[in-house]
Amino acid sequence: MKQSLMSIVGGLFAAGILSALINMANRFLFPLPMEITAENIAGLEAYLASMPAGPYLMSLAGMVLAGLAGGFTAGVIQPERGYRNALVIGAFYTMFTVMGMTMVQHPLKLWISPIASYIPFALAGAYFASLSKQEAQ
């Protein structure tokens, strides 16, 4: 039980750190227009509806890499339950993202991306962890 909890928390932490770093890089490389602020919800919704490909693709890469990192970390910490713990991590991140997207209207492609990326890539991360454990033996 303790190892499962450590595996899940460690995976959530790894995914969160990687996600935050990629989001910071995304904001640095593709800054929002000056008129877009947290108070200007209508402007933010309009920007999201016509968001350029660069920030979208970088955001998608962040979701993929965060899922991989979370699943891999969970699989390394507790290999015998890596897939289950990776599934929990992917489900948490999908839920967190959907909750955030309900606060501001997002276009369909931004809804599909996290739903189609976190869980499968977290499971892929656990698979890579199991491969690395097999190679080490």
Protein backbone atom coordinates (compact mmCIF):
# COMPACT_ATOMS: atom_id res chain seq x y z
CA MET A 1 0.00 0.00 0.00
CA LYS A 2 2.74 2.41 0.99
CA GLN A 3 4.73 1.65 -2.14
CA SER A 4 1.62 2.12 -4.33
CA LEU A 5 0.99 5.50 -2.79
CA MET A 6 4.63 6.48 -3.28
CA SER A 7 4.44 5.30 -6.89
CA ILE A 8 1.33 7.36 -7.63
CA VAL A 9 2.54 10.46 -5.80
CA GLY A 10 5.95 10.18 -7.45
CA GLY A 11 4.34 9.80 -10.88
CA LEU A 12 2.03 12.77 -10.28
CA PHE A 13 5.01 14.82 -9.14
CA ALA A 14 7.14 13.87 -12.16
CA ALA A 15 4.28 14.58 -14.57
CA GLY A 16 3.51 17.87 -12.84
CA ILE A 17 7.10 19.10 -12.94
CA LEU A 18 7.48 18.25 -16.62
CA SER A 19 4.09 19.74 -17.47
CA ALA A 20 4.91 22.96 -15.62
CA LEU A 21 8.29 23.29 -17.36
CA ILE A 22 6.77 22.77 -20.80
CA ASN A 23 3.95 25.22 -20.05
CA MET A 24 6.52 27.82 -18.96
CA ALA A 25 8.47 27.25 -22.17
CA ASN A 26 5.23 27.53 -24.15
CA ARG A 27 4.42 30.87 -22.51
CA PHE A 28 7.98 32.08 -23.19
CA LEU A 29 8.04 31.00 -26.85
CA PHE A 30 4.43 31.91 -27.61
CA PRO A 31 3.35 34.73 -25.27
CA LEU A 32 -0.31 35.63 -25.08
CA PRO A 33 -1.35 38.93 -26.66
CA MET A 34 -1.28 41.83 -24.20
CA GLU A 35 -5.08 42.17 -24.15
CA ILE A 36 -5.52 38.56 -22.99
CA THR A 37 -5.71 38.42 -19.20
CA ALA A 38 -7.39 36.20 -16.64
CA GLU A 39 -10.08 38.85 -16.21
CA ASN A 40 -10.79 39.03 -19.97
CA ILE A 41 -12.55 35.68 -20.33
CA ALA A 42 -14.17 36.56 -23.66
CA GLY A 43 -10.78 37.52 -25.12
CA LEU A 44 -9.22 34.32 -23.82
CA GLU A 45 -12.01 32.22 -25.31
CA ALA A 46 -11.60 34.00 -28.68
CA TYR A 47 -7.83 33.39 -28.56
CA LEU A 48 -8.31 29.70 -27.76
CA ALA A 49 -10.77 29.31 -30.64
CA SER A 50 -8.18 30.64 -33.11
CA MET A 51 -5.03 29.48 -31.34
CA PRO A 52 -2.04 29.08 -33.67
CA ALA A 53 -0.56 25.65 -34.28
CA GLY A 54 2.69 26.33 -32.38
CA PRO A 55 1.27 26.76 -28.88
CA TYR A 56 -1.26 23.97 -29.48
CA LEU A 57 1.42 21.49 -30.56
CA MET A 58 3.68 22.45 -27.68
CA SER A 59 0.78 22.00 -25.27
CA LEU A 60 0.05 18.60 -26.80
CA ALA A 61 3.73 17.64 -26.48
CA GLY A 62 3.55 18.66 -22.82
CA MET A 63 0.57 16.37 -22.24
CA VAL A 64 2.30 13.46 -23.99
CA LEU A 65 5.59 13.93 -22.14
CA ALA A 66 3.87 14.46 -18.79
CA GLY A 67 1.92 11.23 -19.27
CA LEU A 68 5.07 9.34 -20.22
CA ALA A 69 7.03 10.74 -17.26
CA GLY A 70 4.25 9.99 -14.78
CA GLY A 71 3.73 6.44 -16.01
CA PHE A 72 7.46 5.75 -16.22
CA THR A 73 8.07 7.02 -12.70
CA ALA A 74 5.18 4.94 -11.34
CA GLY A 75 6.51 1.88 -13.15
CA VAL A 76 10.02 2.35 -11.81
CA ILE A 77 8.89 2.85 -8.21
CA GLN A 78 6.49 -0.12 -8.19
CA PRO A 79 7.03 -2.34 -11.24
CA GLU A 80 4.51 -5.02 -10.26
CA ARG A 81 1.67 -2.48 -10.23
CA GLY A 82 3.11 0.01 -12.71
CA TYR A 83 0.27 -0.19 -15.21
CA ARG A 84 -2.43 0.26 -12.59
CA ASN A 85 -0.65 3.20 -11.00
CA ALA A 86 0.04 4.74 -14.42
CA LEU A 87 -3.68 4.45 -15.19
CA VAL A 88 -4.47 6.30 -11.96
CA ILE A 89 -1.97 9.05 -12.85
CA GLY A 90 -3.37 9.41 -16.38
CA ALA A 91 -6.92 9.54 -15.02
CA PHE A 92 -5.99 12.20 -12.48
CA TYR A 93 -4.35 14.41 -15.10
CA THR A 94 -7.25 13.94 -17.50
CA MET A 95 -9.68 14.89 -14.72
CA PHE A 96 -7.60 17.93 -13.69
CA THR A 97 -7.42 19.14 -17.28
CA VAL A 98 -11.12 18.67 -17.94
CA MET A 99 -11.95 20.51 -14.72
CA GLY A 100 -9.73 23.40 -15.81
CA MET A 101 -11.26 23.49 -19.27
CA THR A 102 -14.78 23.75 -17.89
CA MET A 103 -13.88 27.15 -16.41
CA VAL A 104 -13.21 28.71 -19.83
CA GLN A 105 -14.81 27.57 -23.08
CA HIS A 106 -12.30 25.58 -25.16
CA PRO A 107 -12.59 24.39 -28.77
CA LEU A 108 -13.11 20.70 -29.49
CA LYS A 109 -9.48 19.98 -30.41
CA LEU A 110 -8.41 21.16 -26.96
CA TRP A 111 -10.89 18.77 -25.36
CA ILE A 112 -9.80 15.79 -27.43
CA SER A 113 -6.06 16.27 -26.80
CA PRO A 114 -5.92 15.55 -23.05
CA ILE A 115 -8.55 12.83 -23.23
CA ALA A 116 -6.56 11.08 -25.95
CA SER A 117 -3.09 11.63 -24.50
CA TYR A 118 -2.72 11.38 -20.72
CA ILE A 119 -3.96 7.84 -20.10
CA PRO A 120 -2.44 6.12 -23.16
CA PHE A 121 0.93 7.80 -22.71
CA ALA A 122 0.99 7.14 -18.97
CA LEU A 123 0.44 3.47 -19.78
CA ALA A 124 3.19 3.70 -22.41
CA GLY A 125 5.50 5.16 -19.76
CA ALA A 126 4.79 2.19 -17.49
CA TYR A 127 5.52 -0.11 -20.41
CA PHE A 128 8.89 1.58 -20.99
CA ALA A 129 9.65 1.21 -17.29
CA SER A 130 8.92 -2.51 -17.52
CA LEU A 131 11.20 -2.78 -20.55
CA SER A 132 14.01 -0.99 -18.76
CA LYS A 133 13.60 -3.34 -15.78
CA GLN A 134 13.75 -6.39 -18.08
CA GLU A 135 16.91 -5.10 -19.74
CA ALA A 136 18.55 -4.52 -16.37
CA GLN A 137 18.03 -8.16 -15.37
